[in-house]
N, C-alpha and C. Protein backbone atom coordinates (compact mmCIF):
# COMPACT_ATOMS: atom_id res chain seq x y z
N MET A 1 0.85 -1.17 0.00
CA MET A 1 0.00 0.00 0.00
C MET A 1 0.90 1.23 0.00
N SER A 2 0.52 2.22 -0.76
CA SER A 2 1.34 3.41 -0.88
C SER A 2 1.23 4.29 0.35
N ALA A 3 2.25 5.12 0.57
CA ALA A 3 2.25 6.03 1.71
C ALA A 3 1.12 7.05 1.58
N THR A 4 0.84 7.47 0.36
CA THR A 4 -0.25 8.42 0.14
C THR A 4 -1.57 7.81 0.57
N ARG A 5 -1.82 6.58 0.19
CA ARG A 5 -3.06 5.89 0.56
C ARG A 5 -3.14 5.73 2.07
N THR A 6 -2.03 5.38 2.71
CA THR A 6 -2.00 5.21 4.16
C THR A 6 -2.34 6.51 4.85
N LYS A 7 -1.75 7.60 4.41
CA LYS A 7 -2.00 8.89 5.03
C LYS A 7 -3.43 9.35 4.77
N PHE A 8 -3.93 9.08 3.57
CA PHE A 8 -5.23 9.64 3.23
C PHE A 8 -6.37 8.93 3.94
N TRP A 9 -6.31 7.61 4.13
CA TRP A 9 -7.42 6.96 4.83
C TRP A 9 -7.51 7.49 6.25
N SER A 10 -6.36 7.75 6.90
CA SER A 10 -6.42 8.26 8.27
C SER A 10 -6.92 9.69 8.29
N LYS A 11 -6.50 10.50 7.32
CA LYS A 11 -7.01 11.87 7.22
C LYS A 11 -8.52 11.84 7.02
N THR A 12 -8.99 10.94 6.17
CA THR A 12 -10.43 10.82 5.93
C THR A 12 -11.15 10.47 7.23
N ALA A 13 -10.63 9.52 7.97
CA ALA A 13 -11.26 9.11 9.24
C ALA A 13 -11.30 10.27 10.23
N TYR A 14 -10.19 10.99 10.37
CA TYR A 14 -10.13 12.10 11.32
C TYR A 14 -11.12 13.21 10.92
N LEU A 15 -11.13 13.53 9.64
CA LEU A 15 -12.02 14.60 9.19
C LEU A 15 -13.49 14.18 9.22
N LEU A 16 -13.77 12.89 9.04
CA LEU A 16 -15.15 12.45 9.21
C LEU A 16 -15.62 12.67 10.65
N ALA A 17 -14.75 12.40 11.60
CA ALA A 17 -15.10 12.65 13.00
C ALA A 17 -15.35 14.14 13.22
N PHE A 18 -14.53 14.97 12.62
CA PHE A 18 -14.64 16.42 12.78
C PHE A 18 -15.89 16.98 12.08
N TYR A 19 -16.14 16.54 10.84
CA TYR A 19 -17.24 17.09 10.04
C TYR A 19 -18.61 16.48 10.35
N THR A 20 -18.63 15.29 10.97
CA THR A 20 -19.91 14.61 11.18
C THR A 20 -20.23 14.32 12.63
N GLY A 21 -19.22 14.32 13.49
CA GLY A 21 -19.44 13.95 14.89
C GLY A 21 -19.57 12.45 15.08
N MET A 22 -19.17 11.66 14.08
CA MET A 22 -19.28 10.21 14.19
C MET A 22 -18.30 9.66 15.22
N ARG A 23 -18.69 8.59 15.86
CA ARG A 23 -17.82 7.88 16.79
C ARG A 23 -16.79 7.08 15.99
N CYS A 24 -15.69 6.76 16.63
CA CYS A 24 -14.62 5.98 16.00
C CYS A 24 -15.16 4.65 15.47
N GLU A 25 -15.97 3.98 16.26
CA GLU A 25 -16.54 2.68 15.87
C GLU A 25 -17.44 2.81 14.65
N GLU A 26 -18.11 3.96 14.53
CA GLU A 26 -18.98 4.20 13.39
C GLU A 26 -18.17 4.47 12.13
N ILE A 27 -17.10 5.22 12.27
CA ILE A 27 -16.23 5.51 11.13
C ILE A 27 -15.62 4.22 10.60
N CYS A 28 -15.16 3.36 11.51
CA CYS A 28 -14.55 2.09 11.09
C CYS A 28 -15.55 1.18 10.40
N GLY A 29 -16.83 1.25 10.76
CA GLY A 29 -17.85 0.40 10.17
C GLY A 29 -18.54 0.99 8.95
N LEU A 30 -18.19 2.23 8.58
CA LEU A 30 -18.85 2.90 7.46
C LEU A 30 -18.47 2.24 6.13
N ARG A 31 -19.48 1.80 5.39
CA ARG A 31 -19.27 1.18 4.08
C ARG A 31 -19.79 2.12 3.00
N TRP A 32 -19.37 1.88 1.77
CA TRP A 32 -19.80 2.74 0.68
C TRP A 32 -21.31 2.64 0.45
N LEU A 33 -21.93 1.53 0.80
CA LEU A 33 -23.37 1.42 0.64
C LEU A 33 -24.12 2.34 1.60
N ASP A 34 -23.45 2.82 2.65
CA ASP A 34 -24.04 3.73 3.62
C ASP A 34 -23.84 5.20 3.25
N VAL A 35 -23.11 5.46 2.16
CA VAL A 35 -22.79 6.82 1.75
C VAL A 35 -23.58 7.18 0.50
N ASN A 36 -24.28 8.30 0.55
CA ASN A 36 -25.03 8.79 -0.60
C ASN A 36 -24.49 10.19 -0.92
N LEU A 37 -23.48 10.24 -1.77
CA LEU A 37 -22.84 11.53 -2.09
C LEU A 37 -23.77 12.48 -2.84
N PRO A 38 -24.57 12.02 -3.82
CA PRO A 38 -25.47 12.97 -4.49
C PRO A 38 -26.46 13.63 -3.51
N ALA A 39 -26.94 12.87 -2.53
CA ALA A 39 -27.87 13.42 -1.55
C ALA A 39 -27.14 14.10 -0.38
N GLU A 40 -25.82 14.01 -0.37
CA GLU A 40 -24.98 14.60 0.68
C GLU A 40 -25.38 14.13 2.07
N LYS A 41 -25.43 12.79 2.23
CA LYS A 41 -25.73 12.22 3.54
C LYS A 41 -25.13 10.83 3.65
N LEU A 42 -25.03 10.35 4.86
CA LEU A 42 -24.61 8.98 5.11
C LEU A 42 -25.47 8.42 6.22
N ILE A 43 -25.49 7.11 6.31
CA ILE A 43 -26.31 6.43 7.30
C ILE A 43 -25.40 5.57 8.18
N VAL A 44 -25.61 5.65 9.47
CA VAL A 44 -24.89 4.79 10.42
C VAL A 44 -25.75 3.55 10.61
N ASN A 45 -25.32 2.42 10.03
CA ASN A 45 -26.03 1.14 10.11
C ASN A 45 -25.29 0.12 10.93
N VAL A 46 -23.96 0.17 10.87
CA VAL A 46 -23.10 -0.84 11.46
C VAL A 46 -21.94 -0.15 12.14
N VAL A 47 -21.48 -0.72 13.24
CA VAL A 47 -20.28 -0.24 13.92
C VAL A 47 -19.32 -1.40 14.09
N VAL A 48 -18.08 -1.09 14.39
CA VAL A 48 -17.09 -2.12 14.67
C VAL A 48 -16.92 -2.19 16.17
N GLY A 49 -17.21 -3.34 16.73
CA GLY A 49 -16.99 -3.57 18.15
C GLY A 49 -15.64 -4.20 18.38
N THR A 50 -15.13 -4.07 19.59
CA THR A 50 -13.86 -4.72 19.93
C THR A 50 -14.06 -5.60 21.14
N SER A 51 -13.26 -6.61 21.22
CA SER A 51 -13.30 -7.56 22.32
C SER A 51 -12.32 -7.11 23.41
N ASP A 52 -12.72 -7.24 24.64
CA ASP A 52 -11.81 -6.90 25.74
C ASP A 52 -10.58 -7.80 25.74
N ASN A 53 -10.73 -9.00 25.21
CA ASN A 53 -9.62 -9.96 25.17
C ASN A 53 -8.61 -9.66 24.07
N ASP A 54 -9.08 -9.04 22.98
CA ASP A 54 -8.21 -8.78 21.84
C ASP A 54 -8.62 -7.46 21.19
N LEU A 55 -8.03 -6.35 21.64
CA LEU A 55 -8.41 -5.03 21.16
C LEU A 55 -8.04 -4.79 19.70
N LYS A 56 -7.13 -5.60 19.15
CA LYS A 56 -6.73 -5.41 17.75
C LYS A 56 -7.75 -6.01 16.79
N ARG A 57 -8.51 -6.98 17.26
CA ARG A 57 -9.52 -7.61 16.41
C ARG A 57 -10.85 -6.96 16.68
N GLY A 58 -11.65 -6.88 15.68
CA GLY A 58 -12.97 -6.30 15.84
C GLY A 58 -14.01 -7.17 15.17
N TYR A 59 -15.25 -6.78 15.33
CA TYR A 59 -16.35 -7.48 14.70
C TYR A 59 -17.44 -6.47 14.39
N LEU A 60 -18.23 -6.76 13.38
CA LEU A 60 -19.32 -5.88 12.99
C LEU A 60 -20.53 -6.16 13.85
N LYS A 61 -21.24 -5.08 14.22
CA LYS A 61 -22.45 -5.23 15.01
C LYS A 61 -23.36 -4.03 14.76
N LYS A 62 -24.59 -4.15 15.21
CA LYS A 62 -25.54 -3.04 15.13
C LYS A 62 -25.13 -2.00 16.16
N PRO A 63 -25.47 -0.72 15.93
CA PRO A 63 -25.19 0.30 16.94
C PRO A 63 -25.86 -0.06 18.27
N LYS A 64 -25.24 0.35 19.37
CA LYS A 64 -25.70 -0.02 20.70
C LYS A 64 -27.10 0.50 21.01
N TYR A 65 -27.37 1.73 20.61
CA TYR A 65 -28.65 2.35 20.91
C TYR A 65 -29.42 2.61 19.62
N ALA A 66 -30.74 2.62 19.73
CA ALA A 66 -31.59 2.88 18.56
C ALA A 66 -31.30 4.26 17.98
N CYS A 67 -31.02 5.25 18.83
CA CYS A 67 -30.75 6.61 18.34
C CYS A 67 -29.40 6.71 17.64
N SER A 68 -28.54 5.72 17.83
CA SER A 68 -27.24 5.72 17.15
C SER A 68 -27.38 5.34 15.68
N HIS A 69 -28.46 4.65 15.34
CA HIS A 69 -28.76 4.34 13.94
C HIS A 69 -29.41 5.59 13.37
N ARG A 70 -28.67 6.33 12.53
CA ARG A 70 -29.16 7.64 12.11
C ARG A 70 -28.62 8.03 10.74
N THR A 71 -29.24 9.04 10.17
CA THR A 71 -28.78 9.64 8.92
C THR A 71 -28.07 10.94 9.26
N ILE A 72 -26.89 11.13 8.69
CA ILE A 72 -26.07 12.31 8.98
C ILE A 72 -25.92 13.13 7.71
N PRO A 73 -26.33 14.40 7.74
CA PRO A 73 -26.09 15.26 6.57
C PRO A 73 -24.61 15.59 6.45
N LEU A 74 -24.15 15.73 5.23
CA LEU A 74 -22.72 16.00 4.98
C LEU A 74 -22.53 17.44 4.50
N MET A 75 -21.55 18.10 5.09
CA MET A 75 -21.15 19.42 4.61
C MET A 75 -20.31 19.23 3.35
N LYS A 76 -20.21 20.26 2.54
CA LYS A 76 -19.46 20.18 1.29
C LYS A 76 -18.03 19.67 1.48
N PRO A 77 -17.28 20.14 2.50
CA PRO A 77 -15.92 19.60 2.66
C PRO A 77 -15.92 18.08 2.91
N ALA A 78 -16.93 17.57 3.59
CA ALA A 78 -17.00 16.12 3.84
C ALA A 78 -17.33 15.38 2.55
N VAL A 79 -18.21 15.95 1.73
CA VAL A 79 -18.55 15.34 0.44
C VAL A 79 -17.30 15.28 -0.45
N ASP A 80 -16.57 16.39 -0.52
CA ASP A 80 -15.34 16.43 -1.32
C ASP A 80 -14.31 15.43 -0.81
N LEU A 81 -14.18 15.33 0.49
CA LEU A 81 -13.25 14.38 1.11
C LEU A 81 -13.62 12.94 0.73
N LEU A 82 -14.90 12.61 0.82
CA LEU A 82 -15.34 11.25 0.50
C LEU A 82 -15.19 10.94 -0.99
N LYS A 83 -15.39 11.92 -1.84
CA LYS A 83 -15.17 11.71 -3.28
C LYS A 83 -13.70 11.38 -3.55
N LYS A 84 -12.81 12.13 -2.91
CA LYS A 84 -11.38 11.88 -3.10
C LYS A 84 -11.00 10.51 -2.55
N GLN A 85 -11.55 10.15 -1.40
CA GLN A 85 -11.29 8.83 -0.80
C GLN A 85 -11.78 7.73 -1.75
N TYR A 86 -12.95 7.91 -2.33
CA TYR A 86 -13.50 6.91 -3.25
C TYR A 86 -12.56 6.73 -4.45
N ASP A 87 -12.11 7.84 -5.02
CA ASP A 87 -11.22 7.78 -6.18
C ASP A 87 -9.91 7.06 -5.85
N LEU A 88 -9.32 7.37 -4.70
CA LEU A 88 -8.08 6.70 -4.29
C LEU A 88 -8.30 5.21 -4.04
N GLN A 89 -9.40 4.90 -3.39
CA GLN A 89 -9.69 3.50 -3.09
C GLN A 89 -10.01 2.72 -4.37
N LEU A 90 -10.68 3.36 -5.32
CA LEU A 90 -10.98 2.71 -6.59
C LEU A 90 -9.68 2.37 -7.34
N LYS A 91 -8.74 3.29 -7.35
CA LYS A 91 -7.44 3.01 -8.00
C LYS A 91 -6.76 1.82 -7.34
N GLU A 92 -6.81 1.76 -6.03
CA GLU A 92 -6.20 0.64 -5.28
C GLU A 92 -6.92 -0.66 -5.63
N TYR A 93 -8.23 -0.61 -5.69
CA TYR A 93 -9.04 -1.79 -6.00
C TYR A 93 -8.78 -2.28 -7.42
N GLN A 94 -8.60 -1.34 -8.35
CA GLN A 94 -8.40 -1.70 -9.75
C GLN A 94 -7.03 -2.33 -10.02
N LYS A 95 -6.11 -2.22 -9.08
CA LYS A 95 -4.81 -2.88 -9.27
C LYS A 95 -4.99 -4.39 -9.38
N ASN A 96 -5.92 -4.96 -8.61
CA ASN A 96 -6.19 -6.39 -8.65
C ASN A 96 -7.42 -6.73 -9.47
N ASN A 97 -8.21 -5.71 -9.82
CA ASN A 97 -9.46 -5.90 -10.56
C ASN A 97 -9.56 -4.84 -11.66
N PRO A 98 -8.68 -4.89 -12.65
CA PRO A 98 -8.61 -3.81 -13.64
C PRO A 98 -9.88 -3.59 -14.44
N GLU A 99 -10.71 -4.62 -14.57
CA GLU A 99 -11.94 -4.48 -15.37
C GLU A 99 -13.07 -3.79 -14.59
N GLU A 100 -12.93 -3.67 -13.28
CA GLU A 100 -14.00 -3.08 -12.46
C GLU A 100 -14.01 -1.56 -12.56
N LYS A 101 -15.20 -1.00 -12.59
CA LYS A 101 -15.37 0.45 -12.71
C LYS A 101 -15.82 1.09 -11.39
N GLU A 102 -16.24 0.27 -10.43
CA GLU A 102 -16.71 0.77 -9.14
C GLU A 102 -16.20 -0.12 -8.01
N ILE A 103 -16.14 0.46 -6.84
CA ILE A 103 -15.79 -0.29 -5.64
C ILE A 103 -17.04 -1.05 -5.19
N PRO A 104 -16.92 -2.30 -4.77
CA PRO A 104 -18.10 -2.98 -4.24
C PRO A 104 -18.69 -2.19 -3.05
N LEU A 105 -19.99 -2.12 -2.99
CA LEU A 105 -20.65 -1.30 -1.99
C LEU A 105 -20.40 -1.78 -0.56
N ASN A 106 -20.04 -3.05 -0.38
CA ASN A 106 -19.80 -3.55 0.97
C ASN A 106 -18.37 -3.26 1.46
N HIS A 107 -17.55 -2.59 0.66
CA HIS A 107 -16.21 -2.21 1.10
C HIS A 107 -16.29 -1.04 2.07
N PHE A 108 -15.31 -0.98 2.96
CA PHE A 108 -15.30 0.03 4.02
C PHE A 108 -14.61 1.31 3.54
N VAL A 109 -15.19 2.45 3.90
CA VAL A 109 -14.67 3.75 3.46
C VAL A 109 -13.23 3.96 3.93
N CYS A 110 -12.95 3.65 5.18
CA CYS A 110 -11.60 3.83 5.74
C CYS A 110 -10.97 2.48 6.03
N GLY A 111 -11.28 1.49 5.19
CA GLY A 111 -10.81 0.13 5.43
C GLY A 111 -9.39 -0.13 4.99
N GLU A 112 -8.94 -1.33 5.31
CA GLU A 112 -7.61 -1.79 4.93
C GLU A 112 -7.48 -1.88 3.41
N TYR A 113 -6.33 -1.52 2.90
CA TYR A 113 -5.98 -1.63 1.49
C TYR A 113 -7.03 -1.00 0.58
N ASP A 114 -7.83 -1.84 -0.09
CA ASP A 114 -8.83 -1.28 -1.00
C ASP A 114 -10.22 -1.26 -0.35
N GLY A 115 -10.29 -1.43 0.95
CA GLY A 115 -11.55 -1.34 1.67
C GLY A 115 -12.23 -2.65 1.97
N ARG A 116 -11.59 -3.77 1.63
CA ARG A 116 -12.23 -5.07 1.86
C ARG A 116 -12.42 -5.37 3.34
N GLU A 117 -11.51 -4.92 4.18
CA GLU A 117 -11.57 -5.22 5.61
C GLU A 117 -11.64 -3.92 6.40
N PHE A 118 -12.36 -3.97 7.51
CA PHE A 118 -12.46 -2.77 8.34
C PHE A 118 -11.22 -2.64 9.22
N ARG A 119 -11.00 -1.45 9.70
CA ARG A 119 -9.92 -1.19 10.65
C ARG A 119 -10.47 -1.26 12.06
N SER A 120 -9.60 -1.53 12.99
CA SER A 120 -9.98 -1.59 14.40
C SER A 120 -10.12 -0.17 14.96
N PRO A 121 -11.19 0.10 15.71
CA PRO A 121 -11.32 1.42 16.35
C PRO A 121 -10.15 1.71 17.29
N THR A 122 -9.62 0.68 17.94
CA THR A 122 -8.48 0.85 18.83
C THR A 122 -7.27 1.35 18.05
N TYR A 123 -7.04 0.76 16.89
CA TYR A 123 -5.92 1.16 16.03
C TYR A 123 -6.09 2.60 15.55
N LEU A 124 -7.31 2.93 15.09
CA LEU A 124 -7.58 4.27 14.59
C LEU A 124 -7.38 5.32 15.69
N SER A 125 -7.89 5.04 16.88
CA SER A 125 -7.73 5.98 18.00
C SER A 125 -6.27 6.15 18.38
N ALA A 126 -5.53 5.05 18.41
CA ALA A 126 -4.11 5.12 18.76
C ALA A 126 -3.33 5.93 17.73
N ARG A 127 -3.64 5.74 16.45
CA ARG A 127 -2.95 6.52 15.40
C ARG A 127 -3.23 8.00 15.56
N PHE A 128 -4.47 8.36 15.90
CA PHE A 128 -4.82 9.77 16.07
C PHE A 128 -4.08 10.36 17.27
N ARG A 129 -4.00 9.62 18.36
CA ARG A 129 -3.26 10.09 19.55
C ARG A 129 -1.79 10.31 19.21
N GLN A 130 -1.20 9.36 18.47
CA GLN A 130 0.20 9.49 18.07
C GLN A 130 0.40 10.72 17.18
N PHE A 131 -0.51 10.92 16.23
CA PHE A 131 -0.45 12.06 15.34
C PHE A 131 -0.48 13.37 16.14
N CYS A 132 -1.42 13.48 17.07
CA CYS A 132 -1.55 14.71 17.87
C CYS A 132 -0.34 14.92 18.77
N ALA A 133 0.17 13.85 19.36
CA ALA A 133 1.35 13.97 20.21
C ALA A 133 2.55 14.42 19.38
N TYR A 134 2.72 13.83 18.19
CA TYR A 134 3.83 14.18 17.30
C TYR A 134 3.75 15.63 16.86
N LYS A 135 2.54 16.09 16.54
CA LYS A 135 2.35 17.47 16.06
C LYS A 135 2.20 18.47 17.21
N GLY A 136 2.13 17.97 18.44
CA GLY A 136 1.98 18.87 19.60
C GLY A 136 0.60 19.50 19.67
N ILE A 137 -0.40 18.78 19.20
CA ILE A 137 -1.77 19.28 19.22
C ILE A 137 -2.43 18.84 20.52
N ASN A 138 -2.75 19.80 21.36
CA ASN A 138 -3.34 19.50 22.66
C ASN A 138 -4.74 20.07 22.76
N GLY A 139 -5.54 19.45 23.61
CA GLY A 139 -6.88 19.94 23.88
C GLY A 139 -6.85 21.00 24.97
N THR A 140 -8.01 21.37 25.44
CA THR A 140 -8.11 22.42 26.46
C THR A 140 -7.52 21.99 27.80
N THR A 141 -7.39 20.69 28.02
CA THR A 141 -6.81 20.20 29.28
C THR A 141 -5.29 20.11 29.21
N GLY A 142 -4.71 20.40 28.05
CA GLY A 142 -3.26 20.32 27.89
C GLY A 142 -2.78 18.95 27.44
N LYS A 143 -3.67 17.98 27.34
CA LYS A 143 -3.32 16.64 26.89
C LYS A 143 -3.58 16.54 25.39
N PRO A 144 -2.86 15.62 24.69
CA PRO A 144 -3.13 15.45 23.26
C PRO A 144 -4.61 15.09 23.03
N LEU A 145 -5.15 15.59 21.94
CA LEU A 145 -6.54 15.31 21.59
C LEU A 145 -6.77 13.82 21.38
N SER A 146 -7.97 13.40 21.65
CA SER A 146 -8.39 12.04 21.29
C SER A 146 -9.34 12.16 20.11
N LEU A 147 -9.53 11.07 19.41
CA LEU A 147 -10.45 11.08 18.28
C LEU A 147 -11.87 11.42 18.77
N HIS A 148 -12.21 10.97 19.95
CA HIS A 148 -13.54 11.27 20.50
C HIS A 148 -13.70 12.78 20.76
N ASP A 149 -12.60 13.48 21.04
CA ASP A 149 -12.68 14.93 21.24
C ASP A 149 -13.21 15.63 19.99
N LEU A 150 -12.92 15.08 18.81
CA LEU A 150 -13.42 15.68 17.57
C LEU A 150 -14.94 15.59 17.49
N ARG A 151 -15.49 14.54 18.08
CA ARG A 151 -16.94 14.40 18.14
C ARG A 151 -17.53 15.55 18.96
N HIS A 152 -16.89 15.88 20.07
CA HIS A 152 -17.36 16.98 20.90
C HIS A 152 -17.15 18.32 20.21
N THR A 153 -16.07 18.46 19.46
CA THR A 153 -15.82 19.69 18.72
C THR A 153 -16.93 19.91 17.71
N PHE A 154 -17.35 18.84 17.03
CA PHE A 154 -18.44 18.94 16.07
C PHE A 154 -19.73 19.40 16.76
N ALA A 155 -20.01 18.82 17.91
CA ALA A 155 -21.25 19.16 18.64
C ALA A 155 -21.22 20.63 19.03
């Protein structure tokens, strides 16, 4: 996987938290079938859960609460971000499937490689903490931001 692709999926995940207020588990579970770019909205249908025994492994599940299953309107910067993510992921997907013109709808927006597998929320959160610590980005308490802090910033 290219360095550009690696950087961009994480940027997409971070900005989705900022622009939508989505939880880390929701971002990891977001599939292309849940994204409607022409209507500028997405739907939270599935989240990635983690096991207390193995935080690196995850599993797909329904959102914990009924109110967590929701439709989220997208601002223009989020729509543009998702379009760019789709284009990058399509190029990655076409390396092994040159005849395909679209990404399968069940692929994950911020997934591994070409989106076939979801990422762990634990991994995504840890990467964001490392990024903030490296860049010296701190919250109001003086500690590096967490990915969940972006949810509060959105609110």
